[in-house]
Amino acid sequence: MPSVTESPTKPIAAPERSLTQRMDALQRANDIRSRRAQLKRDLKAGRQQISELLQQPPDYLGTAKVFDLLLAVPKYGRVKVSKILSTCRISPSKTIGGLSPRQRDELVDLLRRR
């Protein structure tokens, strides 16, 4: 007799992709990672302002975590970033693209005051 937690259906598998499709996806992912790494270096060096990035984020930042991006700002550690996100009622797992207009505006206003 099957238990309540067992499912009689088979799990749905991801669709098969050709080698070309997988290589294209890998290239796009590598490009996004390198662009984000350069952006974080620019934030650390002061060549880029976090408030400007949050107002008009580039496409490749859509799935980046707000927490990780704030950590790249000089003098912002885990404790300060957690307090900032808590003040703005933003989950630490929230992505840049997932910010609501209220969250985005509140966060930018708070960062500009610091």
N, C-alpha and C. Protein backbone atom coordinates (compact mmCIF):
# COMPACT_ATOMS: atom_id res chain seq x y z
N MET A 1 0.85 -1.18 0.00
CA MET A 1 0.00 0.00 0.00
C MET A 1 0.89 1.24 0.00
N PRO A 2 0.72 2.17 -0.96
CA PRO A 2 1.57 3.37 -1.00
C PRO A 2 1.22 4.31 0.14
N SER A 3 2.24 4.98 0.65
CA SER A 3 2.01 5.93 1.73
C SER A 3 1.42 7.22 1.17
N VAL A 4 0.96 8.09 2.05
CA VAL A 4 0.33 9.34 1.66
C VAL A 4 1.33 10.26 0.95
N THR A 5 2.60 10.19 1.35
CA THR A 5 3.60 11.10 0.78
C THR A 5 4.10 10.67 -0.58
N GLU A 6 3.88 9.40 -0.97
CA GLU A 6 4.34 8.93 -2.27
C GLU A 6 3.40 9.44 -3.35
N SER A 7 4.00 9.84 -4.45
CA SER A 7 3.21 10.34 -5.57
C SER A 7 3.17 9.28 -6.66
N PRO A 8 1.99 8.97 -7.17
CA PRO A 8 1.91 7.95 -8.21
C PRO A 8 2.44 8.44 -9.56
N THR A 9 2.56 9.75 -9.72
CA THR A 9 3.04 10.29 -10.99
C THR A 9 4.55 10.44 -11.00
N LYS A 10 5.09 10.44 -12.17
CA LYS A 10 6.52 10.56 -12.36
C LYS A 10 6.89 12.05 -12.35
N PRO A 11 8.06 12.44 -11.77
CA PRO A 11 8.43 13.85 -11.80
C PRO A 11 8.63 14.34 -13.23
N ILE A 12 8.30 15.59 -13.45
CA ILE A 12 8.43 16.17 -14.79
C ILE A 12 9.89 16.55 -15.01
N ALA A 13 10.46 16.09 -16.09
CA ALA A 13 11.86 16.37 -16.42
C ALA A 13 11.94 17.63 -17.27
N ALA A 14 13.08 18.29 -17.19
CA ALA A 14 13.32 19.46 -18.03
C ALA A 14 13.39 19.02 -19.49
N PRO A 15 12.98 19.88 -20.39
CA PRO A 15 13.03 19.48 -21.80
C PRO A 15 14.48 19.27 -22.25
N GLU A 16 14.66 18.34 -23.15
CA GLU A 16 15.99 18.07 -23.68
C GLU A 16 16.44 19.26 -24.52
N ARG A 17 17.71 19.59 -24.42
CA ARG A 17 18.28 20.69 -25.21
C ARG A 17 19.43 20.16 -26.04
N SER A 18 19.59 20.75 -27.19
CA SER A 18 20.69 20.33 -28.05
C SER A 18 22.00 20.87 -27.50
N LEU A 19 23.09 20.34 -27.97
CA LEU A 19 24.41 20.81 -27.54
C LEU A 19 24.57 22.29 -27.84
N THR A 20 24.10 22.74 -28.97
CA THR A 20 24.20 24.16 -29.35
C THR A 20 23.42 25.03 -28.38
N GLN A 21 22.21 24.60 -28.02
CA GLN A 21 21.40 25.36 -27.07
C GLN A 21 22.08 25.43 -25.71
N ARG A 22 22.65 24.30 -25.25
CA ARG A 22 23.33 24.29 -23.96
C ARG A 22 24.56 25.19 -23.98
N MET A 23 25.30 25.16 -25.06
CA MET A 23 26.51 25.99 -25.17
C MET A 23 26.14 27.48 -25.22
N ASP A 24 25.06 27.81 -25.92
CA ASP A 24 24.59 29.21 -25.96
C ASP A 24 24.19 29.68 -24.57
N ALA A 25 23.47 28.83 -23.84
CA ALA A 25 23.04 29.19 -22.48
C ALA A 25 24.25 29.36 -21.57
N LEU A 26 25.23 28.49 -21.70
CA LEU A 26 26.44 28.59 -20.91
C LEU A 26 27.20 29.88 -21.22
N GLN A 27 27.27 30.24 -22.48
CA GLN A 27 27.95 31.48 -22.88
C GLN A 27 27.23 32.70 -22.30
N ARG A 28 25.90 32.70 -22.36
CA ARG A 28 25.13 33.83 -21.80
C ARG A 28 25.34 33.92 -20.29
N ALA A 29 25.34 32.77 -19.61
CA ALA A 29 25.53 32.76 -18.15
C ALA A 29 26.93 33.27 -17.79
N ASN A 30 27.93 32.85 -18.53
CA ASN A 30 29.29 33.32 -18.27
C ASN A 30 29.42 34.81 -18.52
N ASP A 31 28.77 35.30 -19.57
CA ASP A 31 28.79 36.73 -19.87
C ASP A 31 28.16 37.53 -18.73
N ILE A 32 27.02 37.06 -18.24
CA ILE A 32 26.33 37.75 -17.14
C ILE A 32 27.20 37.74 -15.88
N ARG A 33 27.81 36.61 -15.57
CA ARG A 33 28.67 36.52 -14.38
C ARG A 33 29.85 37.48 -14.48
N SER A 34 30.48 37.55 -15.64
CA SER A 34 31.64 38.45 -15.77
C SER A 34 31.22 39.92 -15.71
N ARG A 35 30.06 40.25 -16.28
CA ARG A 35 29.58 41.64 -16.21
C ARG A 35 29.23 42.03 -14.77
N ARG A 36 28.61 41.11 -14.04
CA ARG A 36 28.29 41.39 -12.63
C ARG A 36 29.55 41.54 -11.80
N ALA A 37 30.55 40.70 -12.07
CA ALA A 37 31.81 40.80 -11.33
C ALA A 37 32.47 42.15 -11.58
N GLN A 38 32.46 42.61 -12.83
CA GLN A 38 33.03 43.91 -13.15
C GLN A 38 32.24 45.03 -12.48
N LEU A 39 30.94 44.91 -12.46
CA LEU A 39 30.10 45.91 -11.80
C LEU A 39 30.40 45.98 -10.31
N LYS A 40 30.58 44.84 -9.67
CA LYS A 40 30.92 44.82 -8.24
C LYS A 40 32.28 45.47 -7.99
N ARG A 41 33.23 45.23 -8.90
CA ARG A 41 34.55 45.89 -8.77
C ARG A 41 34.39 47.41 -8.91
N ASP A 42 33.54 47.83 -9.84
CA ASP A 42 33.29 49.27 -10.03
C ASP A 42 32.63 49.89 -8.80
N LEU A 43 31.72 49.16 -8.17
CA LEU A 43 31.08 49.64 -6.94
C LEU A 43 32.12 49.80 -5.84
N LYS A 44 32.97 48.79 -5.69
CA LYS A 44 34.01 48.83 -4.65
C LYS A 44 34.96 49.99 -4.86
N ALA A 45 35.28 50.27 -6.12
CA ALA A 45 36.23 51.33 -6.44
C ALA A 45 35.58 52.72 -6.46
N GLY A 46 34.26 52.78 -6.35
CA GLY A 46 33.57 54.07 -6.35
C GLY A 46 33.31 54.62 -7.75
N ARG A 47 33.51 53.82 -8.77
CA ARG A 47 33.26 54.27 -10.15
C ARG A 47 31.79 54.20 -10.51
N GLN A 48 31.01 53.50 -9.70
CA GLN A 48 29.58 53.34 -9.95
C GLN A 48 28.82 53.60 -8.66
N GLN A 49 27.69 54.26 -8.73
CA GLN A 49 26.86 54.55 -7.56
C GLN A 49 25.73 53.52 -7.46
N ILE A 50 25.54 52.98 -6.26
CA ILE A 50 24.52 51.95 -6.05
C ILE A 50 23.11 52.50 -6.29
N SER A 51 22.87 53.74 -5.92
CA SER A 51 21.53 54.31 -6.09
C SER A 51 21.16 54.43 -7.57
N GLU A 52 22.14 54.76 -8.41
CA GLU A 52 21.87 54.85 -9.85
C GLU A 52 21.57 53.47 -10.43
N LEU A 53 22.31 52.47 -9.95
CA LEU A 53 22.10 51.10 -10.44
C LEU A 53 20.71 50.59 -10.07
N LEU A 54 20.28 50.93 -8.86
CA LEU A 54 18.96 50.46 -8.42
C LEU A 54 17.84 51.17 -9.17
N GLN A 55 18.04 52.44 -9.50
CA GLN A 55 17.02 53.20 -10.25
C GLN A 55 16.85 52.66 -11.66
N GLN A 56 17.96 52.42 -12.35
CA GLN A 56 17.91 51.94 -13.72
C GLN A 56 18.89 50.77 -13.89
N PRO A 57 18.49 49.59 -13.40
CA PRO A 57 19.41 48.45 -13.47
C PRO A 57 19.55 47.92 -14.89
N PRO A 58 20.78 47.56 -15.28
CA PRO A 58 20.96 46.92 -16.58
C PRO A 58 20.26 45.56 -16.60
N ASP A 59 19.99 45.04 -17.78
CA ASP A 59 19.27 43.78 -17.93
C ASP A 59 19.94 42.63 -17.18
N TYR A 60 21.26 42.59 -17.20
CA TYR A 60 21.97 41.47 -16.60
C TYR A 60 21.92 41.47 -15.07
N LEU A 61 21.35 42.51 -14.47
CA LEU A 61 21.21 42.56 -13.01
C LEU A 61 19.84 42.10 -12.52
N GLY A 62 18.95 41.81 -13.42
CA GLY A 62 17.58 41.46 -13.04
C GLY A 62 17.47 40.32 -12.04
N THR A 63 18.30 39.30 -12.18
CA THR A 63 18.22 38.14 -11.30
C THR A 63 19.27 38.17 -10.18
N ALA A 64 20.01 39.26 -10.07
CA ALA A 64 21.01 39.38 -8.99
C ALA A 64 20.31 39.71 -7.68
N LYS A 65 20.83 39.20 -6.59
CA LYS A 65 20.27 39.47 -5.26
C LYS A 65 20.65 40.87 -4.81
N VAL A 66 19.69 41.60 -4.26
CA VAL A 66 19.93 42.94 -3.74
C VAL A 66 20.99 42.87 -2.64
N PHE A 67 20.89 41.86 -1.77
CA PHE A 67 21.83 41.68 -0.66
C PHE A 67 23.27 41.61 -1.18
N ASP A 68 23.50 40.78 -2.21
CA ASP A 68 24.85 40.61 -2.75
C ASP A 68 25.38 41.89 -3.37
N LEU A 69 24.52 42.62 -4.04
CA LEU A 69 24.95 43.87 -4.67
C LEU A 69 25.33 44.91 -3.62
N LEU A 70 24.53 45.00 -2.55
CA LEU A 70 24.84 45.96 -1.48
C LEU A 70 26.14 45.60 -0.76
N LEU A 71 26.45 44.31 -0.67
CA LEU A 71 27.70 43.90 -0.02
C LEU A 71 28.93 44.40 -0.79
N ALA A 72 28.78 44.69 -2.07
CA ALA A 72 29.90 45.17 -2.88
C ALA A 72 30.21 46.64 -2.62
N VAL A 73 29.29 47.34 -1.95
CA VAL A 73 29.50 48.77 -1.67
C VAL A 73 30.49 48.90 -0.51
N PRO A 74 31.49 49.78 -0.66
CA PRO A 74 32.46 49.95 0.44
C PRO A 74 31.79 50.32 1.76
N LYS A 75 32.29 49.75 2.84
CA LYS A 75 31.82 49.99 4.21
C LYS A 75 30.45 49.40 4.50
N TYR A 76 29.96 48.54 3.62
CA TYR A 76 28.69 47.86 3.85
C TYR A 76 28.98 46.37 4.06
N GLY A 77 28.82 45.93 5.30
CA GLY A 77 28.99 44.53 5.62
C GLY A 77 27.64 43.86 5.77
N ARG A 78 27.67 42.59 6.19
CA ARG A 78 26.45 41.81 6.33
C ARG A 78 25.45 42.42 7.30
N VAL A 79 25.94 42.94 8.43
CA VAL A 79 25.05 43.50 9.45
C VAL A 79 24.37 44.77 8.94
N LYS A 80 25.14 45.67 8.36
CA LYS A 80 24.58 46.93 7.86
C LYS A 80 23.59 46.67 6.72
N VAL A 81 23.96 45.77 5.80
CA VAL A 81 23.08 45.45 4.68
C VAL A 81 21.78 44.82 5.19
N SER A 82 21.88 43.93 6.17
CA SER A 82 20.67 43.31 6.74
C SER A 82 19.77 44.35 7.38
N LYS A 83 20.36 45.32 8.09
CA LYS A 83 19.56 46.39 8.71
C LYS A 83 18.88 47.25 7.65
N ILE A 84 19.60 47.57 6.59
CA ILE A 84 19.03 48.39 5.50
C ILE A 84 17.84 47.66 4.88
N LEU A 85 18.03 46.39 4.56
CA LEU A 85 16.94 45.64 3.94
C LEU A 85 15.75 45.48 4.88
N SER A 86 16.03 45.29 6.15
CA SER A 86 14.97 45.17 7.14
C SER A 86 14.18 46.48 7.25
N THR A 87 14.89 47.58 7.27
CA THR A 87 14.24 48.91 7.35
C THR A 87 13.31 49.13 6.16
N CYS A 88 13.73 48.68 4.99
CA CYS A 88 12.93 48.86 3.77
C CYS A 88 11.94 47.72 3.53
N ARG A 89 11.88 46.78 4.48
CA ARG A 89 11.00 45.61 4.37
C ARG A 89 11.25 44.83 3.08
N ILE A 90 12.53 44.51 2.86
CA ILE A 90 12.94 43.75 1.69
C ILE A 90 13.59 42.45 2.17
N SER A 91 13.16 41.35 1.61
CA SER A 91 13.74 40.05 1.96
C SER A 91 15.18 39.97 1.46
N PRO A 92 16.08 39.34 2.22
CA PRO A 92 17.47 39.19 1.77
C PRO A 92 17.59 38.38 0.47
N SER A 93 16.59 37.61 0.15
CA SER A 93 16.65 36.80 -1.07
C SER A 93 16.03 37.50 -2.28
N LYS A 94 15.57 38.73 -2.10
CA LYS A 94 14.91 39.48 -3.18
C LYS A 94 15.91 39.82 -4.28
N THR A 95 15.47 39.71 -5.53
CA THR A 95 16.33 40.06 -6.65
C THR A 95 16.08 41.52 -7.05
N ILE A 96 17.01 42.07 -7.80
CA ILE A 96 16.89 43.46 -8.28
C ILE A 96 15.62 43.60 -9.13
N GLY A 97 15.40 42.64 -10.01
CA GLY A 97 14.22 42.68 -10.87
C GLY A 97 12.93 42.45 -10.12
N GLY A 98 13.00 41.85 -8.94
CA GLY A 98 11.80 41.54 -8.17
C GLY A 98 11.39 42.63 -7.20
N LEU A 99 12.14 43.73 -7.15
CA LEU A 99 11.79 44.83 -6.24
C LEU A 99 10.53 45.53 -6.72
N SER A 100 9.62 45.82 -5.80
CA SER A 100 8.44 46.60 -6.15
C SER A 100 8.86 48.07 -6.25
N PRO A 101 8.07 48.90 -6.90
CA PRO A 101 8.42 50.33 -6.97
C PRO A 101 8.60 50.96 -5.59
N ARG A 102 7.74 50.56 -4.62
CA ARG A 102 7.88 51.10 -3.27
C ARG A 102 9.21 50.69 -2.66
N GLN A 103 9.55 49.41 -2.77
CA GLN A 103 10.81 48.93 -2.21
C GLN A 103 12.00 49.62 -2.86
N ARG A 104 11.96 49.74 -4.17
CA ARG A 104 13.06 50.37 -4.91
C ARG A 104 13.24 51.83 -4.46
N ASP A 105 12.13 52.58 -4.41
CA ASP A 105 12.20 54.00 -4.02
C ASP A 105 12.69 54.15 -2.58
N GLU A 106 12.16 53.33 -1.69
CA GLU A 106 12.56 53.40 -0.28
C GLU A 106 14.04 53.10 -0.11
N LEU A 107 14.51 52.07 -0.81
CA LEU A 107 15.91 51.68 -0.73
C LEU A 107 16.82 52.77 -1.29
N VAL A 108 16.46 53.33 -2.42
CA VAL A 108 17.28 54.39 -3.03
C VAL A 108 17.32 55.61 -2.13
N ASP A 109 16.17 56.01 -1.57
CA ASP A 109 16.13 57.16 -0.67
C ASP A 109 17.02 56.93 0.55
N LEU A 110 16.94 55.74 1.13
CA LEU A 110 17.75 55.43 2.31
C LEU A 110 19.24 55.44 1.96
N LEU A 111 19.61 54.88 0.83
CA LEU A 111 21.03 54.83 0.45
C LEU A 111 21.59 56.22 0.11
N ARG A 112 20.76 57.06 -0.45
CA ARG A 112 21.22 58.43 -0.78
C ARG A 112 21.46 59.26 0.48
N ARG A 113 20.73 58.96 1.56
CA ARG A 113 20.90 59.69 2.81
C ARG A 113 22.16 59.25 3.56
N ARG A 114 22.71 58.12 3.26
CA ARG A 114 23.87 57.59 4.00
C ARG A 114 25.16 58.13 3.46
